[in-house]
Each structure stands twice: as structure tokens, then as C-alpha cells.
Amino acid sequence: MRIKDRAKPKIPPVEPGVYMAVCVGVIDLGEQYSEKFKNYSNNVKLVWELVGETCTIDGEEKPRQLSKDFTFSTSKKGKLRSFLSAWNGKDYTDDEFQNLEIFDQVGKACQLQVSLSENKEYSNVTNIMALPKGVAAPTTDTPPILWDMEHWDDAVFDMLPAWTQEQIKKSTEYQKEHAPADPVTVEGA
């Protein structure tokens, strides 16, 4: 058996540039540990479908999607706030931003600036912009993904990509809810 026969092929990255996109998902990742900052914070993943771009996954042609993770933060310097402000063309007051319903972003169109990682293997969403005035907003037939850790739904969880499920499983909420009920015994101890 050869490794190449078993290894799943990587999806080639999207070329750098600006793309029209539609938000197709908002996924609450729960409280995640950051190795970089050595702390825990609540995170969210935004998922966009790139208009007119496709890729082959398991022999099937599918719409091309990119995502970006953010820390839930109300800070004016927070990346989530700057992304949503640029996307929605609005400078939010503290109160407006704190009361923003993030699930309302699903279905909204935008322009995404995409760059490649240093090793050129991955596409990264680096910036977001509202659509230019007069440009018709694209739509998608992709079913929306709305995932909220506080309202666990096994059917929705099972529809999430495996790599996103693995991220969620690392959250403190998941760990608390799925901790072993029986004590772990170590043989020879």
C-alpha cells in the first residue's frame, strides 16, 4: 500500500486577489486556548463562499469557501469589530457593537481580499470590504451554517466539517460537557 493512495489530496489555494463573496456560516467555536497569548478567549469562525469559484472535493465540484477565526471582543481595536465595521460600512458605537447579532451576517455579500500563507499552501482572508455602490449583491444556494455552543444541536454539529468539529471539541465548553463520567484508572498505579 502506497501512502499517496491513502493520503487525501490538498485543495489548491485560491489565487491572491479580491473576490466577491457571500457569508454562508457563523460558527461559535467556544472558549479556546491560544498558544500565542497563553490565555482563553471565546472565538467565532466566519465562513464565506467565493462567487464563481469552485473546487473538487472527493470527486465532486463544490463552491469554494474560505473562513477566518476571530476572538469575540468589544474592543475598538479588535479584529472582529474592524472586520464587521468595514463589511457593514458602519462605525459602531460601543453599545451598537455589543448588541450586534452576528448571525445576521449570514447571507450578506462582501468583497474579500485574499493572500497566500508564507509557504504558499493556504489562502488567508486578510481584509473585507462592503460591495461598491450600485453592484448587485450575489446570492448563494448553499445552506447556511449557524452554530451556537449554548444551543447544542447534534444534527447541526454533525453537518460541520470534521476539522471544525475538532476545533469545537477543544473548547472548554465541549470538554466540560463530554468529560468522562467514570474516573480513569491507570494499571499498575
N, C-alpha and C. Protein backbone atom coordinates (compact mmCIF):
# COMPACT_ATOMS: atom_id res chain seq x y z
N MET A 1 0.85 -1.17 0.00
CA MET A 1 0.00 0.00 0.00
C MET A 1 0.90 1.24 0.00
N ARG A 2 0.62 2.13 -0.94
CA ARG A 2 1.41 3.35 -1.05
C ARG A 2 0.71 4.50 -0.31
N ILE A 3 1.50 5.36 0.26
CA ILE A 3 0.97 6.49 1.03
C ILE A 3 0.09 7.36 0.15
N LYS A 4 0.52 7.63 -1.07
CA LYS A 4 -0.24 8.52 -1.95
C LYS A 4 -1.63 7.97 -2.26
N ASP A 5 -1.81 6.64 -2.14
CA ASP A 5 -3.12 6.05 -2.39
C ASP A 5 -4.08 6.29 -1.23
N ARG A 6 -3.54 6.57 -0.05
CA ARG A 6 -4.37 6.78 1.14
C ARG A 6 -4.46 8.24 1.56
N ALA A 7 -3.45 9.02 1.24
CA ALA A 7 -3.42 10.42 1.67
C ALA A 7 -4.47 11.22 0.89
N LYS A 8 -5.21 12.03 1.63
CA LYS A 8 -6.21 12.88 0.99
C LYS A 8 -5.50 14.04 0.32
N PRO A 9 -5.82 14.32 -0.95
CA PRO A 9 -5.15 15.43 -1.62
C PRO A 9 -5.58 16.76 -1.03
N LYS A 10 -4.64 17.71 -0.98
CA LYS A 10 -4.96 19.04 -0.50
C LYS A 10 -5.66 19.82 -1.59
N ILE A 11 -6.54 20.69 -1.16
CA ILE A 11 -7.21 21.57 -2.11
C ILE A 11 -6.24 22.70 -2.41
N PRO A 12 -6.00 22.98 -3.69
CA PRO A 12 -5.06 24.06 -4.02
C PRO A 12 -5.58 25.40 -3.49
N PRO A 13 -4.68 26.29 -3.08
CA PRO A 13 -5.12 27.58 -2.54
C PRO A 13 -5.74 28.46 -3.63
N VAL A 14 -6.53 29.40 -3.18
CA VAL A 14 -7.11 30.40 -4.08
C VAL A 14 -6.02 31.40 -4.43
N GLU A 15 -6.00 31.85 -5.66
CA GLU A 15 -5.03 32.86 -6.08
C GLU A 15 -5.24 34.14 -5.27
N PRO A 16 -4.17 34.85 -4.93
CA PRO A 16 -4.34 36.13 -4.22
C PRO A 16 -5.15 37.10 -5.06
N GLY A 17 -5.93 37.94 -4.39
CA GLY A 17 -6.73 38.93 -5.09
C GLY A 17 -7.96 39.30 -4.30
N VAL A 18 -8.87 40.01 -4.96
CA VAL A 18 -10.12 40.43 -4.34
C VAL A 18 -11.25 39.64 -4.99
N TYR A 19 -12.13 39.09 -4.15
CA TYR A 19 -13.22 38.24 -4.61
C TYR A 19 -14.55 38.72 -4.05
N MET A 20 -15.60 38.59 -4.85
CA MET A 20 -16.96 38.77 -4.35
C MET A 20 -17.28 37.52 -3.54
N ALA A 21 -17.96 37.70 -2.41
CA ALA A 21 -18.25 36.56 -1.55
C ALA A 21 -19.58 36.77 -0.82
N VAL A 22 -20.11 35.67 -0.32
CA VAL A 22 -21.33 35.70 0.48
C VAL A 22 -21.05 34.91 1.75
N CYS A 23 -21.42 35.46 2.89
CA CYS A 23 -21.24 34.76 4.16
C CYS A 23 -22.23 33.60 4.21
N VAL A 24 -21.72 32.39 4.41
CA VAL A 24 -22.57 31.21 4.49
C VAL A 24 -22.53 30.56 5.86
N GLY A 25 -21.70 31.10 6.76
CA GLY A 25 -21.65 30.48 8.08
C GLY A 25 -21.07 31.35 9.16
N VAL A 26 -21.66 31.21 10.35
CA VAL A 26 -21.13 31.79 11.57
C VAL A 26 -21.11 30.65 12.58
N ILE A 27 -19.92 30.29 13.04
CA ILE A 27 -19.75 29.13 13.90
C ILE A 27 -19.09 29.55 15.21
N ASP A 28 -19.82 29.38 16.29
CA ASP A 28 -19.31 29.64 17.63
C ASP A 28 -18.34 28.51 17.98
N LEU A 29 -17.06 28.85 18.14
CA LEU A 29 -16.04 27.85 18.46
C LEU A 29 -15.88 27.64 19.96
N GLY A 30 -16.58 28.44 20.76
CA GLY A 30 -16.47 28.32 22.20
C GLY A 30 -15.20 28.95 22.72
N GLU A 31 -14.90 28.65 23.97
CA GLU A 31 -13.71 29.20 24.62
C GLU A 31 -12.50 28.34 24.22
N GLN A 32 -11.55 28.96 23.54
CA GLN A 32 -10.37 28.27 23.01
C GLN A 32 -9.10 28.80 23.67
N TYR A 33 -8.12 27.92 23.80
CA TYR A 33 -6.82 28.32 24.36
C TYR A 33 -5.92 28.80 23.23
N SER A 34 -5.27 29.94 23.44
CA SER A 34 -4.33 30.48 22.46
C SER A 34 -2.91 30.22 22.94
N GLU A 35 -2.17 29.43 22.18
CA GLU A 35 -0.76 29.20 22.49
C GLU A 35 0.02 30.51 22.40
N LYS A 36 -0.33 31.33 21.43
CA LYS A 36 0.38 32.58 21.21
C LYS A 36 0.26 33.52 22.41
N PHE A 37 -0.98 33.67 22.92
CA PHE A 37 -1.21 34.62 24.00
C PHE A 37 -1.30 33.96 25.38
N LYS A 38 -1.25 32.63 25.42
CA LYS A 38 -1.29 31.87 26.68
C LYS A 38 -2.51 32.21 27.52
N ASN A 39 -3.69 32.29 26.84
CA ASN A 39 -4.93 32.54 27.58
C ASN A 39 -6.10 31.95 26.82
N TYR A 40 -7.28 32.00 27.46
CA TYR A 40 -8.51 31.50 26.85
C TYR A 40 -9.36 32.68 26.40
N SER A 41 -10.05 32.51 25.28
CA SER A 41 -10.99 33.53 24.81
C SER A 41 -12.07 32.85 23.98
N ASN A 42 -13.23 33.48 23.93
CA ASN A 42 -14.33 32.97 23.11
C ASN A 42 -14.06 33.35 21.66
N ASN A 43 -14.21 32.36 20.77
CA ASN A 43 -13.89 32.56 19.36
C ASN A 43 -15.07 32.23 18.46
N VAL A 44 -15.05 32.84 17.28
CA VAL A 44 -16.07 32.60 16.27
C VAL A 44 -15.38 32.45 14.92
N LYS A 45 -15.96 31.59 14.07
CA LYS A 45 -15.46 31.39 12.71
C LYS A 45 -16.51 31.94 11.75
N LEU A 46 -16.06 32.82 10.84
CA LEU A 46 -16.92 33.30 9.76
C LEU A 46 -16.52 32.55 8.50
N VAL A 47 -17.53 32.11 7.74
CA VAL A 47 -17.29 31.31 6.54
C VAL A 47 -17.94 32.03 5.35
N TRP A 48 -17.17 32.18 4.28
CA TRP A 48 -17.66 32.83 3.06
C TRP A 48 -17.54 31.88 1.88
N GLU A 49 -18.48 32.01 0.97
CA GLU A 49 -18.42 31.31 -0.31
C GLU A 49 -17.96 32.32 -1.35
N LEU A 50 -16.93 31.98 -2.11
CA LEU A 50 -16.42 32.87 -3.15
C LEU A 50 -17.26 32.71 -4.40
N VAL A 51 -17.84 33.79 -4.87
CA VAL A 51 -18.74 33.78 -6.02
C VAL A 51 -17.99 33.31 -7.27
N GLY A 52 -18.53 32.30 -7.93
CA GLY A 52 -17.98 31.81 -9.19
C GLY A 52 -16.75 30.93 -9.05
N GLU A 53 -16.29 30.66 -7.82
CA GLU A 53 -15.11 29.82 -7.62
C GLU A 53 -15.55 28.45 -7.10
N THR A 54 -14.95 27.41 -7.64
CA THR A 54 -15.27 26.05 -7.20
C THR A 54 -13.98 25.27 -6.95
N CYS A 55 -14.14 24.13 -6.32
CA CYS A 55 -13.01 23.21 -6.13
C CYS A 55 -13.56 21.79 -6.10
N THR A 56 -12.70 20.84 -6.34
CA THR A 56 -13.10 19.44 -6.35
C THR A 56 -12.78 18.83 -4.99
N ILE A 57 -13.83 18.30 -4.35
CA ILE A 57 -13.68 17.64 -3.06
C ILE A 57 -14.31 16.25 -3.18
N ASP A 58 -13.49 15.22 -2.94
CA ASP A 58 -13.94 13.83 -3.06
C ASP A 58 -14.62 13.57 -4.40
N GLY A 59 -14.03 14.13 -5.47
CA GLY A 59 -14.54 13.90 -6.81
C GLY A 59 -15.76 14.71 -7.18
N GLU A 60 -16.19 15.59 -6.31
CA GLU A 60 -17.39 16.40 -6.56
C GLU A 60 -17.02 17.88 -6.61
N GLU A 61 -17.57 18.58 -7.60
CA GLU A 61 -17.32 20.02 -7.75
C GLU A 61 -18.21 20.77 -6.75
N LYS A 62 -17.57 21.57 -5.87
CA LYS A 62 -18.31 22.29 -4.83
C LYS A 62 -17.91 23.76 -4.83
N PRO A 63 -18.79 24.63 -4.31
CA PRO A 63 -18.44 26.05 -4.20
C PRO A 63 -17.22 26.21 -3.29
N ARG A 64 -16.35 27.14 -3.65
CA ARG A 64 -15.13 27.38 -2.88
C ARG A 64 -15.45 28.25 -1.67
N GLN A 65 -14.98 27.82 -0.51
CA GLN A 65 -15.22 28.55 0.73
C GLN A 65 -13.91 28.87 1.42
N LEU A 66 -13.90 30.01 2.08
CA LEU A 66 -12.78 30.40 2.94
C LEU A 66 -13.37 30.83 4.29
N SER A 67 -12.55 30.73 5.32
CA SER A 67 -13.03 31.12 6.64
C SER A 67 -11.94 31.88 7.39
N LYS A 68 -12.37 32.55 8.44
CA LYS A 68 -11.44 33.27 9.31
C LYS A 68 -11.97 33.21 10.72
N ASP A 69 -11.07 32.94 11.67
CA ASP A 69 -11.44 32.89 13.08
C ASP A 69 -11.15 34.23 13.74
N PHE A 70 -12.04 34.60 14.67
CA PHE A 70 -11.91 35.85 15.41
C PHE A 70 -12.16 35.59 16.89
N THR A 71 -11.58 36.44 17.71
CA THR A 71 -11.89 36.46 19.13
C THR A 71 -13.09 37.37 19.32
N PHE A 72 -14.06 36.92 20.12
CA PHE A 72 -15.16 37.81 20.48
C PHE A 72 -14.59 38.89 21.38
N SER A 73 -14.57 40.10 20.92
CA SER A 73 -14.04 41.22 21.69
C SER A 73 -14.85 42.46 21.34
N THR A 74 -15.12 43.27 22.35
CA THR A 74 -15.85 44.52 22.11
C THR A 74 -14.89 45.69 21.93
N SER A 75 -13.60 45.43 22.02
CA SER A 75 -12.59 46.48 21.90
C SER A 75 -12.65 47.15 20.53
N LYS A 76 -12.46 48.45 20.52
CA LYS A 76 -12.43 49.18 19.25
C LYS A 76 -11.25 48.74 18.38
N LYS A 77 -10.22 48.17 19.00
CA LYS A 77 -9.05 47.70 18.26
C LYS A 77 -9.16 46.23 17.87
N GLY A 78 -10.25 45.57 18.26
CA GLY A 78 -10.43 44.15 17.96
C GLY A 78 -10.62 43.90 16.49
N LYS A 79 -10.09 42.77 16.01
CA LYS A 79 -10.18 42.43 14.57
C LYS A 79 -11.62 42.17 14.14
N LEU A 80 -12.41 41.55 15.01
CA LEU A 80 -13.80 41.27 14.65
C LEU A 80 -14.54 42.59 14.43
N ARG A 81 -14.33 43.54 15.31
CA ARG A 81 -15.02 44.82 15.19
C ARG A 81 -14.60 45.55 13.91
N SER A 82 -13.31 45.56 13.61
CA SER A 82 -12.86 46.25 12.40
C SER A 82 -13.38 45.55 11.15
N PHE A 83 -13.43 44.21 11.15
CA PHE A 83 -13.96 43.47 10.00
C PHE A 83 -15.44 43.79 9.80
N LEU A 84 -16.23 43.72 10.87
CA LEU A 84 -17.67 43.96 10.74
C LEU A 84 -17.96 45.41 10.38
N SER A 85 -17.16 46.33 10.89
CA SER A 85 -17.34 47.75 10.54
C SER A 85 -17.07 47.98 9.06
N ALA A 86 -15.98 47.41 8.54
CA ALA A 86 -15.64 47.56 7.12
C ALA A 86 -16.68 46.87 6.24
N TRP A 87 -17.11 45.71 6.64
CA TRP A 87 -18.08 44.92 5.88
C TRP A 87 -19.43 45.64 5.80
N ASN A 88 -19.88 46.13 6.95
CA ASN A 88 -21.21 46.74 7.01
C ASN A 88 -21.19 48.24 6.74
N GLY A 89 -19.99 48.80 6.52
CA GLY A 89 -19.87 50.22 6.23
C GLY A 89 -20.39 51.09 7.36
N LYS A 90 -20.07 50.70 8.60
CA LYS A 90 -20.61 51.40 9.76
C LYS A 90 -19.58 51.45 10.89
N ASP A 91 -19.38 52.63 11.45
CA ASP A 91 -18.57 52.76 12.66
C ASP A 91 -19.52 52.60 13.84
N TYR A 92 -19.43 51.48 14.51
CA TYR A 92 -20.34 51.16 15.60
C TYR A 92 -19.98 51.90 16.88
N THR A 93 -21.02 52.35 17.61
CA THR A 93 -20.79 52.80 18.97
C THR A 93 -20.56 51.55 19.80
N ASP A 94 -20.02 51.70 20.99
CA ASP A 94 -19.80 50.54 21.85
C ASP A 94 -21.10 49.77 22.08
N ASP A 95 -22.18 50.49 22.35
CA ASP A 95 -23.46 49.85 22.62
C ASP A 95 -23.98 49.13 21.38
N GLU A 96 -23.89 49.75 20.21
CA GLU A 96 -24.34 49.12 18.97
C GLU A 96 -23.55 47.83 18.69
N PHE A 97 -22.25 47.89 18.88
CA PHE A 97 -21.44 46.72 18.59
C PHE A 97 -21.72 45.59 19.57
N GLN A 98 -21.87 45.91 20.84
CA GLN A 98 -22.14 44.88 21.84
C GLN A 98 -23.48 44.19 21.60
N ASN A 99 -24.42 44.88 21.00
CA ASN A 99 -25.75 44.31 20.75
C ASN A 99 -25.94 43.79 19.34
N LEU A 100 -24.87 43.77 18.55
CA LEU A 100 -24.94 43.28 17.18
C LEU A 100 -25.18 41.76 17.19
N GLU A 101 -26.13 41.32 16.39
CA GLU A 101 -26.41 39.88 16.24
C GLU A 101 -25.53 39.36 15.11
N ILE A 102 -24.51 38.61 15.46
CA ILE A 102 -23.53 38.17 14.47
C ILE A 102 -24.12 37.19 13.46
N PHE A 103 -25.15 36.42 13.86
CA PHE A 103 -25.78 35.51 12.91
C PHE A 103 -26.44 36.26 11.75
N ASP A 104 -26.74 37.55 11.93
CA ASP A 104 -27.34 38.34 10.85
C ASP A 104 -26.38 38.57 9.68
N GLN A 105 -25.10 38.27 9.85
CA GLN A 105 -24.14 38.42 8.76
C GLN A 105 -24.31 37.35 7.69
N VAL A 106 -24.91 36.22 8.07
CA VAL A 106 -25.10 35.13 7.11
C VAL A 106 -26.03 35.59 6.00
N GLY A 107 -25.60 35.38 4.77
CA GLY A 107 -26.35 35.79 3.59
C GLY A 107 -25.92 37.14 3.05
N LYS A 108 -25.10 37.88 3.82
CA LYS A 108 -24.64 39.19 3.37
C LYS A 108 -23.42 39.04 2.45
N ALA A 109 -23.42 39.82 1.40
CA ALA A 109 -22.32 39.79 0.43
C ALA A 109 -21.23 40.79 0.83
N CYS A 110 -20.06 40.60 0.27
CA CYS A 110 -18.92 41.48 0.55
C CYS A 110 -17.85 41.25 -0.52
N GLN A 111 -16.74 41.93 -0.36
CA GLN A 111 -15.53 41.66 -1.12
C GLN A 111 -14.48 41.20 -0.13
N LEU A 112 -13.77 40.14 -0.46
CA LEU A 112 -12.71 39.64 0.40
C LEU A 112 -11.37 39.80 -0.30
N GLN A 113 -10.40 40.29 0.44
CA GLN A 113 -9.03 40.31 -0.06
C GLN A 113 -8.36 39.04 0.44
N VAL A 114 -7.79 38.29 -0.48
CA VAL A 114 -7.18 37.00 -0.16
C VAL A 114 -5.69 37.05 -0.46
N SER A 115 -4.90 36.53 0.46
CA SER A 115 -3.46 36.41 0.25
C SER A 115 -3.06 34.96 0.51
N LEU A 116 -1.82 34.63 0.18
CA LEU A 116 -1.32 33.28 0.44
C LEU A 116 -0.44 33.28 1.69
N SER A 117 -0.45 32.14 2.37
CA SER A 117 0.43 31.98 3.52
C SER A 117 1.88 32.04 3.06
N GLU A 118 2.79 32.18 3.99
CA GLU A 118 4.21 32.30 3.66
C GLU A 118 4.71 31.11 2.83
N ASN A 119 4.22 29.91 3.14
CA ASN A 119 4.65 28.72 2.40
C ASN A 119 3.82 28.49 1.13
N LYS A 120 2.89 29.41 0.83
CA LYS A 120 2.06 29.39 -0.39
C LYS A 120 1.09 28.21 -0.45
N GLU A 121 0.84 27.54 0.69
CA GLU A 121 -0.05 26.38 0.71
C GLU A 121 -1.49 26.72 1.07
N TYR A 122 -1.70 27.86 1.75
CA TYR A 122 -3.03 28.19 2.26
C TYR A 122 -3.46 29.59 1.84
N SER A 123 -4.76 29.73 1.61
CA SER A 123 -5.34 31.04 1.32
C SER A 123 -5.82 31.67 2.62
N ASN A 124 -5.54 32.94 2.80
CA ASN A 124 -5.94 33.66 4.00
C ASN A 124 -6.80 34.85 3.64
N VAL A 125 -7.90 35.03 4.38
CA VAL A 125 -8.71 36.23 4.24
C VAL A 125 -7.99 37.32 5.03
N THR A 126 -7.52 38.35 4.34
CA THR A 126 -6.74 39.39 5.01
C THR A 126 -7.51 40.69 5.21
N ASN A 127 -8.57 40.88 4.41
CA ASN A 127 -9.33 42.11 4.54
C ASN A 127 -10.72 41.89 3.98
N ILE A 128 -11.62 42.77 4.37
CA ILE A 128 -13.00 42.68 3.90
C ILE A 128 -13.49 44.08 3.56
N MET A 129 -14.34 44.18 2.56
CA MET A 129 -14.89 45.47 2.15
C MET A 129 -16.35 45.28 1.79
N ALA A 130 -17.13 46.33 1.97
CA ALA A 130 -18.50 46.32 1.51
C ALA A 130 -18.49 46.29 -0.02
N LEU A 131 -19.59 45.89 -0.61
CA LEU A 131 -19.69 45.93 -2.07
C LEU A 131 -19.72 47.38 -2.53
N PRO A 132 -19.17 47.66 -3.70
CA PRO A 132 -19.25 49.02 -4.23
C PRO A 132 -20.71 49.42 -4.48
N LYS A 133 -20.98 50.69 -4.37
CA LYS A 133 -22.34 51.18 -4.63
C LYS A 133 -22.75 50.80 -6.04
N GLY A 134 -24.00 50.37 -6.18
CA GLY A 134 -24.54 50.03 -7.48
C GLY A 134 -24.28 48.61 -7.92
N VAL A 135 -23.47 47.87 -7.18
CA VAL A 135 -23.19 46.47 -7.54
C VAL A 135 -24.24 45.58 -6.88
N ALA A 136 -24.88 44.76 -7.68
CA ALA A 136 -25.90 43.85 -7.16
C ALA A 136 -25.26 42.81 -6.26
N ALA A 137 -25.89 42.57 -5.12
CA ALA A 137 -25.36 41.60 -4.17
C ALA A 137 -25.58 40.18 -4.69
N PRO A 138 -24.53 39.39 -4.77
CA PRO A 138 -24.69 38.00 -5.19
C PRO A 138 -25.40 37.19 -4.11
N THR A 139 -25.95 36.06 -4.50
CA THR A 139 -26.61 35.16 -3.56
C THR A 139 -26.01 33.78 -3.72
N THR A 140 -26.43 32.87 -2.88
CA THR A 140 -25.93 31.50 -2.93
C THR A 140 -27.05 30.53 -2.61
N ASP A 141 -26.90 29.31 -3.09
CA ASP A 141 -27.84 28.24 -2.76
C ASP A 141 -27.32 27.38 -1.61
N THR A 142 -26.12 27.68 -1.14
CA THR A 142 -25.52 26.92 -0.05
C THR A 142 -26.33 27.11 1.23
N PRO A 143 -26.74 26.02 1.87
CA PRO A 143 -27.48 26.16 3.13
C PRO A 143 -26.61 26.85 4.18
N PRO A 144 -27.19 27.78 4.94
CA PRO A 144 -26.40 28.50 5.94
C PRO A 144 -26.00 27.59 7.10
N ILE A 145 -24.85 27.91 7.69
CA ILE A 145 -24.36 27.20 8.87
C ILE A 145 -24.41 28.18 10.04
N LEU A 146 -25.29 27.91 10.99
CA LEU A 146 -25.40 28.73 12.20
C LEU A 146 -25.18 27.80 13.38
N TRP A 147 -24.06 27.99 14.07
CA TRP A 147 -23.72 27.09 15.18
C TRP A 147 -23.49 27.92 16.43
N ASP A 148 -24.24 27.60 17.47
CA ASP A 148 -24.15 28.30 18.75
C ASP A 148 -23.87 27.26 19.84
N MET A 149 -22.76 27.40 20.53
CA MET A 149 -22.38 26.44 21.58
C MET A 149 -23.44 26.35 22.68
N GLU A 150 -24.13 27.45 22.95
CA GLU A 150 -25.11 27.46 24.03
C GLU A 150 -26.40 26.72 23.67
N HIS A 151 -26.61 26.44 22.41
CA HIS A 151 -27.81 25.73 21.95
C HIS A 151 -27.37 24.52 21.13
N TRP A 152 -26.70 23.59 21.81
CA TRP A 152 -26.12 22.42 21.16
C TRP A 152 -27.18 21.64 20.39
N ASP A 153 -26.85 21.29 19.16
CA ASP A 153 -27.74 20.51 18.30
C ASP A 153 -26.87 19.48 17.58
N ASP A 154 -27.02 18.21 17.96
CA ASP A 154 -26.18 17.15 17.38
C ASP A 154 -26.30 17.09 15.86
N ALA A 155 -27.49 17.30 15.34
CA ALA A 155 -27.70 17.22 13.88
C ALA A 155 -26.90 18.31 13.17
N VAL A 156 -26.89 19.52 13.71
CA VAL A 156 -26.12 20.62 13.11
C VAL A 156 -24.63 20.36 13.28
N PHE A 157 -24.23 19.91 14.46
CA PHE A 157 -22.81 19.62 14.73
C PHE A 157 -22.29 18.59 13.73
N ASP A 158 -23.07 17.56 13.46
CA ASP A 158 -22.65 16.50 12.53
C ASP A 158 -22.50 17.01 11.09
N MET A 159 -23.15 18.14 10.75
CA MET A 159 -23.04 18.70 9.41
C MET A 159 -21.81 19.58 9.24
N LEU A 160 -21.17 19.97 10.36
CA LEU A 160 -19.97 20.80 10.28
C LEU A 160 -18.81 20.00 9.71
N PRO A 161 -17.89 20.66 9.01
CA PRO A 161 -16.71 19.94 8.53
C PRO A 161 -15.94 19.31 9.71
N ALA A 162 -15.31 18.18 9.46
CA ALA A 162 -14.60 17.45 10.52
C ALA A 162 -13.57 18.33 11.21
N TRP A 163 -12.83 19.16 10.46
CA TRP A 163 -11.80 19.99 11.07
C TRP A 163 -12.41 21.06 11.97
N THR A 164 -13.62 21.53 11.67
CA THR A 164 -14.30 22.50 12.53
C THR A 164 -14.82 21.79 13.77
N GLN A 165 -15.32 20.57 13.62
CA GLN A 165 -15.75 19.79 14.79
C GLN A 165 -14.58 19.60 15.75
N GLU A 166 -13.40 19.32 15.20
CA GLU A 166 -12.22 19.12 16.04
C GLU A 166 -11.86 20.40 16.80
N GLN A 167 -12.02 21.56 16.15
CA GLN A 167 -11.78 22.83 16.85
C GLN A 167 -12.74 22.98 18.01
N ILE A 168 -14.01 22.72 17.76
CA ILE A 168 -15.04 22.85 18.80
C ILE A 168 -14.77 21.89 19.95
N LYS A 169 -14.30 20.69 19.64
CA LYS A 169 -14.02 19.70 20.68
C LYS A 169 -12.90 20.14 21.61
N LYS A 170 -12.08 21.10 21.19
CA LYS A 170 -11.01 21.61 22.04
C LYS A 170 -11.51 22.70 22.99
N SER A 171 -12.74 23.15 22.81
CA SER A 171 -13.27 24.23 23.65
C SER A 171 -13.50 23.75 25.08
N THR A 172 -13.44 24.69 26.02
CA THR A 172 -13.69 24.33 27.42
C THR A 172 -15.13 23.85 27.61
N GLU A 173 -16.08 24.42 26.85
CA GLU A 173 -17.48 24.01 26.97
C GLU A 173 -17.64 22.54 26.57
N TYR A 174 -17.04 22.16 25.45
CA TYR A 174 -17.14 20.78 24.99
C TYR A 174 -16.47 19.84 25.99
N GLN A 175 -15.30 20.22 26.46
CA GLN A 175 -14.57 19.38 27.41
C GLN A 175 -15.37 19.15 28.69
N LYS A 176 -16.05 20.19 29.18
CA LYS A 176 -16.86 20.06 30.41
C LYS A 176 -18.06 19.15 30.17
N GLU A 177 -18.72 19.31 29.04
CA GLU A 177 -19.93 18.53 28.73
C GLU A 177 -19.63 17.08 28.37
N HIS A 178 -18.43 16.82 27.90
CA HIS A 178 -18.09 15.48 27.43
C HIS A 178 -16.97 14.84 28.25
N ALA A 179 -16.81 15.31 29.47
CA ALA A 179 -15.79 14.72 30.36
C ALA A 179 -16.23 13.30 30.72
N PRO A 180 -15.28 12.39 30.89
CA PRO A 180 -15.64 11.02 31.27
C PRO A 180 -16.39 11.02 32.60
N ALA A 181 -17.47 10.24 32.67
CA ALA A 181 -18.27 10.17 33.90
C ALA A 181 -17.58 9.29 34.93
N ASP A 182 -16.84 8.31 34.46
CA ASP A 182 -16.15 7.38 35.37
C ASP A 182 -14.71 7.82 35.54
N PRO A 183 -14.16 7.64 36.75
CA PRO A 183 -12.75 8.01 36.94
C PRO A 183 -11.85 7.13 36.06
N VAL A 184 -10.79 7.71 35.61
CA VAL A 184 -9.82 6.99 34.79
C VAL A 184 -8.89 6.25 35.72
N THR A 185 -8.70 4.97 35.47
CA THR A 185 -7.78 4.18 36.29
C THR A 185 -6.55 3.84 35.46
N VAL A 186 -5.42 3.90 36.10
CA VAL A 186 -4.16 3.58 35.44
C VAL A 186 -3.67 2.26 36.02
N GLU A 187 -3.44 1.29 35.14
CA GLU A 187 -2.96 0.00 35.60
C GLU A 187 -1.56 0.14 36.17
N GLY A 188 -1.34 -0.58 37.26
CA GLY A 188 -0.02 -0.57 37.89
C GLY A 188 0.16 0.58 38.84
N ALA A 189 -0.86 1.39 39.03
CA ALA A 189 -0.73 2.53 39.95
C ALA A 189 -1.31 2.19 41.30
